Amino acid sequence: MSRTKLLALAAAPALAVTLASPALADDAHPRVVTAESPVRSIGANQTEIVTVTCPRGTFAVSGGWVVSSPSIDVTGNRAVSDRRWKIRFENESNQSGRVQAFARCAT
């Protein structure tokens, strides 16, 4: 029983510091949003480049994707400007598929 009280008392000062610290306030953390492209078709044995643009006031910091088939490879994944992220898809299948690109955007 005394051990529980000791842990509770030890945690209380840390909680007070966390709540009072301006460095940990929500305004100090960057805002992160996800921008996405429409789902696009990619033909059999074709290459498709999809560019996603982040909203004004944010910067592209990373990218991601969804593909409809394991035969669709990502052969490029990079920022092309402060607000734009480009992903290059290659469909190595003899059937068409679908791709979608995402950009993580931060203030």
PDB file of N, CA and C in Angstrom:
ATOM      1  N   MET A   1       0.820  -1.182   0.000  1.00  0.00           N
ATOM      2  CA  MET A   1       0.000   0.000   0.000  1.00  0.00           C
ATOM      3  C   MET A   1       0.872   1.257   0.000  1.00  0.00           C
ATOM      4  N   SER A   2       1.929   1.295   0.779  1.00  0.00           N
ATOM      5  CA  SER A   2       2.791   2.470   0.795  1.00  0.00           C
ATOM      6  C   SER A   2       3.546   2.604  -0.530  1.00  0.00           C
ATOM      7  N   ARG A   3       3.794   1.486  -1.182  1.00  0.00           N
ATOM      8  CA  ARG A   3       4.481   1.544  -2.472  1.00  0.00           C
ATOM      9  C   ARG A   3       3.622   2.272  -3.504  1.00  0.00           C
ATOM     10  N   THR A   4       2.326   2.002  -3.517  1.00  0.00           N
ATOM     11  CA  THR A   4       1.417   2.669  -4.435  1.00  0.00           C
ATOM     12  C   THR A   4       1.404   4.173  -4.183  1.00  0.00           C
ATOM     13  N   LYS A   5       1.376   4.577  -2.942  1.00  0.00           N
ATOM     14  CA  LYS A   5       1.394   6.006  -2.608  1.00  0.00           C
ATOM     15  C   LYS A   5       2.695   6.641  -3.088  1.00  0.00           C
ATOM     16  N   LEU A   6       3.800   5.957  -2.908  1.00  0.00           N
ATOM     17  CA  LEU A   6       5.090   6.495  -3.313  1.00  0.00           C
ATOM     18  C   LEU A   6       5.139   6.700  -4.825  1.00  0.00           C
ATOM     19  N   LEU A   7       4.642   5.743  -5.593  1.00  0.00           N
ATOM     20  CA  LEU A   7       4.621   5.886  -7.047  1.00  0.00           C
ATOM     21  C   LEU A   7       3.723   7.028  -7.478  1.00  0.00           C
ATOM     22  N   ALA A   8       2.583   7.174  -6.828  1.00  0.00           N
ATOM     23  CA  ALA A   8       1.664   8.260  -7.170  1.00  0.00           C
ATOM     24  C   ALA A   8       2.295   9.611  -6.872  1.00  0.00           C
ATOM     25  N   LEU A   9       2.984   9.732  -5.743  1.00  0.00           N
ATOM     26  CA  LEU A   9       3.634  10.989  -5.400  1.00  0.00           C
ATOM     27  C   LEU A   9       4.807  11.283  -6.327  1.00  0.00           C
ATOM     28  N   ALA A  10       5.517  10.252  -6.747  1.00  0.00           N
ATOM     29  CA  ALA A  10       6.650  10.448  -7.649  1.00  0.00           C
ATOM     30  C   ALA A  10       6.182  10.885  -9.025  1.00  0.00           C
ATOM     31  N   ALA A  11       5.027  10.442  -9.459  1.00  0.00           N
ATOM     32  CA  ALA A  11       4.523  10.803 -10.784  1.00  0.00           C
ATOM     33  C   ALA A  11       3.912  12.193 -10.806  1.00  0.00           C
ATOM     34  N   ALA A  12       3.397  12.674  -9.683  1.00  0.00           N
ATOM     35  CA  ALA A  12       2.719  13.967  -9.639  1.00  0.00           C
ATOM     36  C   ALA A  12       3.619  15.128 -10.060  1.00  0.00           C
ATOM     37  N   PRO A  13       4.864  15.265  -9.558  1.00  0.00           N
ATOM     38  CA  PRO A  13       5.695  16.385 -10.008  1.00  0.00           C
ATOM     39  C   PRO A  13       5.995  16.327 -11.504  1.00  0.00           C
ATOM     40  N   ALA A  14       6.205  15.143 -12.061  1.00  0.00           N
ATOM     41  CA  ALA A  14       6.480  15.016 -13.498  1.00  0.00           C
ATOM     42  C   ALA A  14       5.275  15.470 -14.313  1.00  0.00           C
ATOM     43  N   LEU A  15       4.085  15.138 -13.865  1.00  0.00           N
ATOM     44  CA  LEU A  15       2.868  15.550 -14.559  1.00  0.00           C
ATOM     45  C   LEU A  15       2.735  17.056 -14.508  1.00  0.00           C
ATOM     46  N   ALA A  16       3.008  17.659 -13.353  1.00  0.00           N
ATOM     47  CA  ALA A  16       2.906  19.110 -13.215  1.00  0.00           C
ATOM     48  C   ALA A  16       3.900  19.810 -14.146  1.00  0.00           C
ATOM     49  N   VAL A  17       5.113  19.296 -14.242  1.00  0.00           N
ATOM     50  CA  VAL A  17       6.104  19.891 -15.124  1.00  0.00           C
ATOM     51  C   VAL A  17       5.674  19.760 -16.577  1.00  0.00           C
ATOM     52  N   THR A  18       5.139  18.614 -16.957  1.00  0.00           N
ATOM     53  CA  THR A  18       4.694  18.396 -18.326  1.00  0.00           C
ATOM     54  C   THR A  18       3.578  19.365 -18.705  1.00  0.00           C
ATOM     55  N   LEU A  19       2.612  19.542 -17.835  1.00  0.00           N
ATOM     56  CA  LEU A  19       1.484  20.427 -18.136  1.00  0.00           C
ATOM     57  C   LEU A  19       1.895  21.888 -18.155  1.00  0.00           C
ATOM     58  N   ALA A  20       2.885  22.269 -17.358  1.00  0.00           N
ATOM     59  CA  ALA A  20       3.278  23.666 -17.257  1.00  0.00           C
ATOM     60  C   ALA A  20       4.330  24.064 -18.277  1.00  0.00           C
ATOM     61  N   SER A  21       4.974  23.124 -18.909  1.00  0.00           N
ATOM     62  CA  SER A  21       6.072  23.423 -19.809  1.00  0.00           C
ATOM     63  C   SER A  21       5.574  23.962 -21.144  1.00  0.00           C
ATOM     64  N   PRO A  22       5.952  25.202 -21.514  1.00  0.00           N
ATOM     65  CA  PRO A  22       5.504  25.735 -22.798  1.00  0.00           C
ATOM     66  C   PRO A  22       6.099  24.981 -23.982  1.00  0.00           C
ATOM     67  N   ALA A  23       7.256  24.351 -23.796  1.00  0.00           N
ATOM     68  CA  ALA A  23       7.876  23.609 -24.894  1.00  0.00           C
ATOM     69  C   ALA A  23       7.054  22.396 -25.289  1.00  0.00           C
ATOM     70  N   LEU A  24       6.210  21.914 -24.388  1.00  0.00           N
ATOM     71  CA  LEU A  24       5.410  20.732 -24.682  1.00  0.00           C
ATOM     72  C   LEU A  24       3.970  21.077 -25.037  1.00  0.00           C
ATOM     73  N   ALA A  25       3.651  22.345 -25.161  1.00  0.00           N
ATOM     74  CA  ALA A  25       2.293  22.748 -25.522  1.00  0.00           C
ATOM     75  C   ALA A  25       2.014  22.350 -26.961  1.00  0.00           C
ATOM     76  N   ASP A  26       0.739  22.182 -27.317  1.00  0.00           N
ATOM     77  CA  ASP A  26       0.355  21.760 -28.664  1.00  0.00           C
ATOM     78  C   ASP A  26       0.845  22.708 -29.745  1.00  0.00           C
ATOM     79  N   ASP A  27       0.903  24.002 -29.469  1.00  0.00           N
ATOM     80  CA  ASP A  27       1.343  24.963 -30.469  1.00  0.00           C
ATOM     81  C   ASP A  27       2.804  24.800 -30.839  1.00  0.00           C
ATOM     82  N   ALA A  28       3.600  24.180 -29.966  1.00  0.00           N
ATOM     83  CA  ALA A  28       5.020  24.019 -30.237  1.00  0.00           C
ATOM     84  C   ALA A  28       5.298  22.864 -31.187  1.00  0.00           C
ATOM     85  N   HIS A  29       4.361  21.950 -31.336  1.00  0.00           N
ATOM     86  CA  HIS A  29       4.562  20.798 -32.208  1.00  0.00           C
ATOM     87  C   HIS A  29       4.138  21.143 -33.627  1.00  0.00           C
ATOM     88  N   PRO A  30       4.864  20.671 -34.615  1.00  0.00           N
ATOM     89  CA  PRO A  30       4.446  20.938 -35.994  1.00  0.00           C
ATOM     90  C   PRO A  30       3.121  20.243 -36.295  1.00  0.00           C
ATOM     91  N   ARG A  31       2.372  20.866 -37.142  1.00  0.00           N
ATOM     92  CA  ARG A  31       1.120  20.276 -37.606  1.00  0.00           C
ATOM     93  C   ARG A  31       1.468  19.383 -38.789  1.00  0.00           C
ATOM     94  N   VAL A  32       0.993  18.157 -38.771  1.00  0.00           N
ATOM     95  CA  VAL A  32       1.273  17.212 -39.843  1.00  0.00           C
ATOM     96  C   VAL A  32      -0.056  16.787 -40.470  1.00  0.00           C
ATOM     97  N   VAL A  33      -0.118  16.890 -41.788  1.00  0.00           N
ATOM     98  CA  VAL A  33      -1.308  16.463 -42.521  1.00  0.00           C
ATOM     99  C   VAL A  33      -0.868  15.538 -43.649  1.00  0.00           C
ATOM    100  N   THR A  34      -1.810  14.776 -44.160  1.00  0.00           N
ATOM    101  CA  THR A  34      -1.533  13.897 -45.288  1.00  0.00           C
ATOM    102  C   THR A  34      -2.291  14.390 -46.502  1.00  0.00           C
ATOM    103  N   ALA A  35      -1.568  14.617 -47.584  1.00  0.00           N
ATOM    104  CA  ALA A  35      -2.178  14.949 -48.872  1.00  0.00           C
ATOM    105  C   ALA A  35      -2.168  13.672 -49.703  1.00  0.00           C
ATOM    106  N   GLU A  36      -3.182  13.488 -50.515  1.00  0.00           N
ATOM    107  CA  GLU A  36      -3.255  12.252 -51.305  1.00  0.00           C
ATOM    108  C   GLU A  36      -3.664  12.535 -52.735  1.00  0.00           C
ATOM    109  N   SER A  37      -3.198  11.691 -53.622  1.00  0.00           N
ATOM    110  CA  SER A  37      -3.604  11.775 -55.025  1.00  0.00           C
ATOM    111  C   SER A  37      -4.892  10.987 -55.198  1.00  0.00           C
ATOM    112  N   PRO A  38      -5.587  11.222 -56.294  1.00  0.00           N
ATOM    113  CA  PRO A  38      -6.679  10.307 -56.625  1.00  0.00           C
ATOM    114  C   PRO A  38      -6.095   8.931 -56.954  1.00  0.00           C
ATOM    115  N   VAL A  39      -6.904   7.902 -56.864  1.00  0.00           N
ATOM    116  CA  VAL A  39      -6.477   6.568 -57.304  1.00  0.00           C
ATOM    117  C   VAL A  39      -6.352   6.625 -58.818  1.00  0.00           C
ATOM    118  N   ARG A  40      -5.214   6.144 -59.328  1.00  0.00           N
ATOM    119  CA  ARG A  40      -4.966   6.190 -60.778  1.00  0.00           C
ATOM    120  C   ARG A  40      -4.741   4.797 -61.313  1.00  0.00           C
ATOM    121  N   SER A  41      -5.117   4.615 -62.544  1.00  0.00           N
ATOM    122  CA  SER A  41      -4.869   3.341 -63.230  1.00  0.00           C
ATOM    123  C   SER A  41      -3.457   3.345 -63.791  1.00  0.00           C
ATOM    124  N   ILE A  42      -2.860   2.165 -63.808  1.00  0.00           N
ATOM    125  CA  ILE A  42      -1.557   1.989 -64.447  1.00  0.00           C
ATOM    126  C   ILE A  42      -1.682   0.776 -65.359  1.00  0.00           C
ATOM    127  N   GLY A  43      -1.373   0.986 -66.625  1.00  0.00           N
ATOM    128  CA  GLY A  43      -1.511  -0.076 -67.606  1.00  0.00           C
ATOM    129  C   GLY A  43      -0.482  -1.181 -67.441  1.00  0.00           C
ATOM    130  N   ALA A  44      -0.743  -2.294 -68.071  1.00  0.00           N
ATOM    131  CA  ALA A  44       0.187  -3.426 -68.066  1.00  0.00           C
ATOM    132  C   ALA A  44       1.524  -2.984 -68.634  1.00  0.00           C
ATOM    133  N   ASN A  45       2.599  -3.349 -67.955  1.00  0.00           N
ATOM    134  CA  ASN A  45       3.964  -3.037 -68.381  1.00  0.00           C
ATOM    135  C   ASN A  45       4.184  -1.538 -68.623  1.00  0.00           C
ATOM    136  N   GLN A  46       3.536  -0.693 -67.828  1.00  0.00           N
ATOM    137  CA  GLN A  46       3.638   0.753 -67.980  1.00  0.00           C
ATOM    138  C   GLN A  46       4.264   1.390 -66.743  1.00  0.00           C
ATOM    139  N   THR A  47       4.673   2.638 -66.915  1.00  0.00           N
ATOM    140  CA  THR A  47       5.201   3.460 -65.828  1.00  0.00           C
ATOM    141  C   THR A  47       4.236   4.613 -65.596  1.00  0.00           C
ATOM    142  N   GLU A  48       4.005   4.939 -64.349  1.00  0.00           N
ATOM    143  CA  GLU A  48       3.121   6.052 -63.995  1.00  0.00           C
ATOM    144  C   GLU A  48       3.830   6.893 -62.933  1.00  0.00           C
ATOM    145  N   ILE A  49       3.887   8.201 -63.144  1.00  0.00           N
ATOM    146  CA  ILE A  49       4.462   9.118 -62.159  1.00  0.00           C
ATOM    147  C   ILE A  49       3.321   9.923 -61.564  1.00  0.00           C
ATOM    148  N   VAL A  50       3.240   9.912 -60.228  1.00  0.00           N
ATOM    149  CA  VAL A  50       2.168  10.614 -59.523  1.00  0.00           C
ATOM    150  C   VAL A  50       2.814  11.642 -58.608  1.00  0.00           C
ATOM    151  N   THR A  51       2.358  12.889 -58.710  1.00  0.00           N
ATOM    152  CA  THR A  51       2.862  13.969 -57.871  1.00  0.00           C
ATOM    153  C   THR A  51       1.746  14.447 -56.957  1.00  0.00           C
ATOM    154  N   VAL A  52       2.073  14.619 -55.680  1.00  0.00           N
ATOM    155  CA  VAL A  52       1.123  15.099 -54.682  1.00  0.00           C
ATOM    156  C   VAL A  52       1.622  16.449 -54.178  1.00  0.00           C
ATOM    157  N   THR A  53       0.711  17.413 -54.056  1.00  0.00           N
ATOM    158  CA  THR A  53       1.066  18.743 -53.578  1.00  0.00           C
ATOM    159  C   THR A  53       0.505  18.966 -52.181  1.00  0.00           C
ATOM    160  N   CYS A  54       1.362  19.420 -51.288  1.00  0.00           N
ATOM    161  CA  CYS A  54       0.956  19.725 -49.910  1.00  0.00           C
ATOM    162  C   CYS A  54       0.212  21.054 -49.865  1.00  0.00           C
ATOM    163  N   PRO A  55      -0.637  21.237 -48.868  1.00  0.00           N
ATOM    164  CA  PRO A  55      -1.362  22.510 -48.731  1.00  0.00           C
ATOM    165  C   PRO A  55      -0.398  23.678 -48.501  1.00  0.00           C
ATOM    166  N   ARG A  56      -0.841  24.879 -48.844  1.00  0.00           N
ATOM    167  CA  ARG A  56      -0.032  26.081 -48.597  1.00  0.00           C
ATOM    168  C   ARG A  56       0.301  26.173 -47.116  1.00  0.00           C
ATOM    169  N   GLY A  57       1.513  26.609 -46.831  1.00  0.00           N
ATOM    170  CA  GLY A  57       1.953  26.754 -45.453  1.00  0.00           C
ATOM    171  C   GLY A  57       2.564  25.493 -44.869  1.00  0.00           C
ATOM    172  N   THR A  58       2.639  24.419 -45.671  1.00  0.00           N
ATOM    173  CA  THR A  58       3.264  23.180 -45.202  1.00  0.00           C
ATOM    174  C   THR A  58       4.375  22.789 -46.176  1.00  0.00           C
ATOM    175  N   PHE A  59       5.210  21.859 -45.725  1.00  0.00           N
ATOM    176  CA  PHE A  59       6.318  21.356 -46.530  1.00  0.00           C
ATOM    177  C   PHE A  59       6.218  19.843 -46.636  1.00  0.00           C
ATOM    178  N   ALA A  60       6.539  19.304 -47.800  1.00  0.00           N
ATOM    179  CA  ALA A  60       6.545  17.853 -48.000  1.00  0.00           C
ATOM    180  C   ALA A  60       7.746  17.263 -47.280  1.00  0.00           C
ATOM    181  N   VAL A  61       7.503  16.321 -46.364  1.00  0.00           N
ATOM    182  CA  VAL A  61       8.595  15.723 -45.598  1.00  0.00           C
ATOM    183  C   VAL A  61       8.779  14.232 -45.870  1.00  0.00           C
ATOM    184  N   SER A  62       7.752  13.576 -46.404  1.00  0.00           N
ATOM    185  CA  SER A  62       7.887  12.166 -46.758  1.00  0.00           C
ATOM    186  C   SER A  62       6.730  11.781 -47.670  1.00  0.00           C
ATOM    187  N   GLY A  63       6.809  10.577 -48.205  1.00  0.00           N
ATOM    188  CA  GLY A  63       5.751  10.106 -49.084  1.00  0.00           C
ATOM    189  C   GLY A  63       5.456   8.642 -48.864  1.00  0.00           C
ATOM    190  N   GLY A  64       4.346   8.210 -49.385  1.00  0.00           N
ATOM    191  CA  GLY A  64       3.952   6.815 -49.272  1.00  0.00           C
ATOM    192  C   GLY A  64       3.023   6.455 -50.415  1.00  0.00           C
ATOM    193  N   TRP A  65       2.601   5.206 -50.464  1.00  0.00           N
ATOM    194  CA  TRP A  65       1.806   4.745 -51.587  1.00  0.00           C
ATOM    195  C   TRP A  65       0.987   3.525 -51.228  1.00  0.00           C
ATOM    196  N   VAL A  66       0.013   3.259 -52.094  1.00  0.00           N
ATOM    197  CA  VAL A  66      -0.780   2.035 -52.053  1.00  0.00           C
ATOM    198  C   VAL A  66      -0.836   1.527 -53.485  1.00  0.00           C
ATOM    199  N   VAL A  67      -0.624   0.233 -53.666  1.00  0.00           N
ATOM    200  CA  VAL A  67      -0.712  -0.387 -54.990  1.00  0.00           C
ATOM    201  C   VAL A  67      -1.668  -1.563 -54.916  1.00  0.00           C
ATOM    202  N   SER A  68      -2.273  -1.900 -56.046  1.00  0.00           N
ATOM    203  CA  SER A  68      -3.257  -2.985 -56.073  1.00  0.00           C
ATOM    204  C   SER A  68      -2.644  -4.353 -56.324  1.00  0.00           C
ATOM    205  N   SER A  69      -1.340  -4.386 -56.629  1.00  0.00           N
ATOM    206  CA  SER A  69      -0.712  -5.655 -56.985  1.00  0.00           C
ATOM    207  C   SER A  69       0.749  -5.657 -56.546  1.00  0.00           C
ATOM    208  N   PRO A  70       1.261  -6.806 -56.116  1.00  0.00           N
ATOM    209  CA  PRO A  70       2.689  -6.880 -55.782  1.00  0.00           C
ATOM    210  C   PRO A  70       3.583  -6.758 -57.019  1.00  0.00           C
ATOM    211  N   SER A  71       2.998  -6.792 -58.208  1.00  0.00           N
ATOM    212  CA  SER A  71       3.774  -6.629 -59.444  1.00  0.00           C
ATOM    213  C   SER A  71       4.044  -5.166 -59.770  1.00  0.00           C
ATOM    214  N   ILE A  72       3.469  -4.258 -58.984  1.00  0.00           N
ATOM    215  CA  ILE A  72       3.704  -2.827 -59.187  1.00  0.00           C
ATOM    216  C   ILE A  72       4.791  -2.395 -58.209  1.00  0.00           C
ATOM    217  N   ASP A  73       5.915  -1.956 -58.765  1.00  0.00           N
ATOM    218  CA  ASP A  73       7.057  -1.531 -57.962  1.00  0.00           C
ATOM    219  C   ASP A  73       7.118  -0.016 -57.881  1.00  0.00           C
ATOM    220  N   VAL A  74       7.684   0.491 -56.791  1.00  0.00           N
ATOM    221  CA  VAL A  74       7.991   1.914 -56.661  1.00  0.00           C
ATOM    222  C   VAL A  74       9.473   2.063 -56.978  1.00  0.00           C
ATOM    223  N   THR A  75       9.763   2.840 -58.015  1.00  0.00           N
ATOM    224  CA  THR A  75      11.151   3.017 -58.444  1.00  0.00           C
ATOM    225  C   THR A  75      11.648   4.436 -58.199  1.00  0.00           C
ATOM    226  N   GLY A  76      10.802   5.269 -57.623  1.00  0.00           N
ATOM    227  CA  GLY A  76      11.192   6.629 -57.255  1.00  0.00           C
ATOM    228  C   GLY A  76      10.250   7.143 -56.187  1.00  0.00           C
ATOM    229  N   ASN A  77      10.800   7.834 -55.196  1.00  0.00           N
ATOM    230  CA  ASN A  77      10.004   8.317 -54.074  1.00  0.00           C
ATOM    231  C   ASN A  77      10.775   9.482 -53.466  1.00  0.00           C
ATOM    232  N   ARG A  78      10.431  10.731 -53.871  1.00  0.00           N
ATOM    233  CA  ARG A  78      11.235  11.860 -53.407  1.00  0.00           C
ATOM    234  C   ARG A  78      10.486  13.181 -53.503  1.00  0.00           C
ATOM    235  N   ALA A  79      10.986  14.159 -52.773  1.00  0.00           N
ATOM    236  CA  ALA A  79      10.480  15.523 -52.882  1.00  0.00           C
ATOM    237  C   ALA A  79      10.997  16.129 -54.175  1.00  0.00           C
ATOM    238  N   VAL A  80      10.147  16.889 -54.848  1.00  0.00           N
ATOM    239  CA  VAL A  80      10.577  17.585 -56.066  1.00  0.00           C
ATOM    240  C   VAL A  80      10.540  19.097 -55.879  1.00  0.00           C
ATOM    241  N   SER A  81       9.991  19.556 -54.762  1.00  0.00           N
ATOM    242  CA  SER A  81      10.018  20.961 -54.360  1.00  0.00           C
ATOM    243  C   SER A  81       9.638  21.008 -52.885  1.00  0.00           C
ATOM    244  N   ASP A  82       9.545  22.189 -52.334  1.00  0.00           N
ATOM    245  CA  ASP A  82       9.182  22.305 -50.917  1.00  0.00           C
ATOM    246  C   ASP A  82       7.827  21.685 -50.610  1.00  0.00           C
ATOM    247  N   ARG A  83       6.887  21.785 -51.554  1.00  0.00           N
ATOM    248  CA  ARG A  83       5.522  21.322 -51.293  1.00  0.00           C
ATOM    249  C   ARG A  83       5.089  20.119 -52.117  1.00  0.00           C
ATOM    250  N   ARG A  84       5.947  19.598 -52.976  1.00  0.00           N
ATOM    251  CA  ARG A  84       5.524  18.511 -53.867  1.00  0.00           C
ATOM    252  C   ARG A  84       6.359  17.256 -53.652  1.00  0.00           C
ATOM    253  N   TRP A  85       5.663  16.098 -53.648  1.00  0.00           N
ATOM    254  CA  TRP A  85       6.299  14.784 -53.503  1.00  0.00           C
ATOM    255  C   TRP A  85       5.930  13.951 -54.717  1.00  0.00           C
ATOM    256  N   LYS A  86       6.927  13.275 -55.299  1.00  0.00           N
ATOM    257  CA  LYS A  86       6.704  12.500 -56.525  1.00  0.00           C
ATOM    258  C   LYS A  86       7.036  11.041 -56.285  1.00  0.00           C
ATOM    259  N   ILE A  87       6.143  10.171 -56.771  1.00  0.00           N
ATOM    260  CA  ILE A  87       6.373   8.729 -56.698  1.00  0.00           C
ATOM    261  C   ILE A  87       6.241   8.149 -58.103  1.00  0.00           C
ATOM    262  N   ARG A  88       7.213   7.301 -58.456  1.00  0.00           N
ATOM    263  CA  ARG A  88       7.234   6.661 -59.778  1.00  0.00           C
ATOM    264  C   ARG A  88       6.912   5.184 -59.593  1.00  0.00           C
ATOM    265  N   PHE A  89       5.865   4.737 -60.288  1.00  0.00           N
ATOM    266  CA  PHE A  89       5.412   3.352 -60.223  1.00  0.00           C
ATOM    267  C   PHE A  89       5.736   2.645 -61.529  1.00  0.00           C
ATOM    268  N   GLU A  90       6.135   1.386 -61.456  1.00  0.00           N
ATOM    269  CA  GLU A  90       6.342   0.555 -62.643  1.00  0.00           C
ATOM    270  C   GLU A  90       5.528  -0.720 -62.485  1.00  0.00           C
ATOM    271  N   ASN A  91       4.662  -0.956 -63.435  1.00  0.00           N
ATOM    272  CA  ASN A  91       3.827  -2.163 -63.428  1.00  0.00           C
ATOM    273  C   ASN A  91       4.529  -3.233 -64.252  1.00  0.00           C
ATOM    274  N   GLU A  92       5.009  -4.265 -63.605  1.00  0.00           N
ATOM    275  CA  GLU A  92       5.732  -5.341 -64.295  1.00  0.00           C
ATOM    276  C   GLU A  92       4.825  -6.505 -64.657  1.00  0.00           C
ATOM    277  N   SER A  93       3.531  -6.274 -64.576  1.00  0.00           N
ATOM    278  CA  SER A  93       2.549  -7.320 -64.858  1.00  0.00           C
ATOM    279  C   SER A  93       1.954  -7.116 -66.252  1.00  0.00           C
ATOM    280  N   ASN A  94       1.331  -8.153 -66.771  1.00  0.00           N
ATOM    281  CA  ASN A  94       0.633  -8.019 -68.055  1.00  0.00           C
ATOM    282  C   ASN A  94      -0.840  -7.655 -67.835  1.00  0.00           C
ATOM    283  N   GLN A  95      -1.172  -7.223 -66.604  1.00  0.00           N
ATOM    284  CA  GLN A  95      -2.521  -6.752 -66.286  1.00  0.00           C
ATOM    285  C   GLN A  95      -2.428  -5.348 -65.704  1.00  0.00           C
ATOM    286  N   SER A  96      -3.464  -4.557 -65.953  1.00  0.00           N
ATOM    287  CA  SER A  96      -3.477  -3.205 -65.401  1.00  0.00           C
ATOM    288  C   SER A  96      -3.697  -3.262 -63.891  1.00  0.00           C
ATOM    289  N   GLY A  97      -3.408  -2.154 -63.230  1.00  0.00           N
ATOM    290  CA  GLY A  97      -3.586  -2.081 -61.778  1.00  0.00           C
ATOM    291  C   GLY A  97      -3.945  -0.667 -61.364  1.00  0.00           C
ATOM    292  N   ARG A  98      -3.921  -0.424 -60.050  1.00  0.00           N
ATOM    293  CA  ARG A  98      -4.247   0.891 -59.500  1.00  0.00           C
ATOM    294  C   ARG A  98      -3.158   1.317 -58.523  1.00  0.00           C
ATOM    295  N   VAL A  99      -2.908   2.623 -58.493  1.00  0.00           N
ATOM    296  CA  VAL A  99      -1.912   3.188 -57.578  1.00  0.00           C
ATOM    297  C   VAL A  99      -2.470   4.453 -56.950  1.00  0.00           C
ATOM    298  N   GLN A 100      -1.952   4.775 -55.765  1.00  0.00           N
ATOM    299  CA  GLN A 100      -2.278   6.027 -55.106  1.00  0.00           C
ATOM    300  C   GLN A 100      -1.048   6.479 -54.338  1.00  0.00           C
ATOM    301  N   ALA A 101      -0.773   7.783 -54.395  1.00  0.00           N
ATOM    302  CA  ALA A 101       0.382   8.352 -53.716  1.00  0.00           C
ATOM    303  C   ALA A 101      -0.064   9.281 -52.590  1.00  0.00           C
ATOM    304  N   PHE A 102       0.790   9.381 -51.561  1.00  0.00           N
ATOM    305  CA  PHE A 102       0.521  10.236 -50.411  1.00  0.00           C
ATOM    306  C   PHE A 102       1.758  11.073 -50.110  1.00  0.00           C
ATOM    307  N   ALA A 103       1.534  12.229 -49.535  1.00  0.00           N
ATOM    308  CA  ALA A 103       2.635  13.051 -49.030  1.00  0.00           C
ATOM    309  C   ALA A 103       2.318  13.433 -47.599  1.00  0.00           C
ATOM    310  N   ARG A 104       3.307  13.324 -46.732  1.00  0.00           N
ATOM    311  CA  ARG A 104       3.176  13.818 -45.358  1.00  0.00           C
ATOM    312  C   ARG A 104       3.698  15.240 -45.383  1.00  0.00           C
ATOM    313  N   CYS A 105       2.880  16.156 -44.886  1.00  0.00           N
ATOM    314  CA  CYS A 105       3.170  17.574 -44.970  1.00  0.00           C
ATOM    315  C   CYS A 105       3.184  18.170 -43.566  1.00  0.00           C
ATOM    316  N   ALA A 106       4.206  18.966 -43.255  1.00  0.00           N
ATOM    317  CA  ALA A 106       4.340  19.531 -41.920  1.00  0.00           C
ATOM    318  C   ALA A 106       4.556  21.037 -42.001  1.00  0.00           C
ATOM    319  N   THR A 107       4.163  21.715 -40.918  1.00  0.00           N
ATOM    320  CA  THR A 107       4.363  23.164 -40.850  1.00  0.00           C
ATOM    321  C   THR A 107       5.767  23.466 -40.371  1.00  0.00           C
TER     322      THR A 107
END
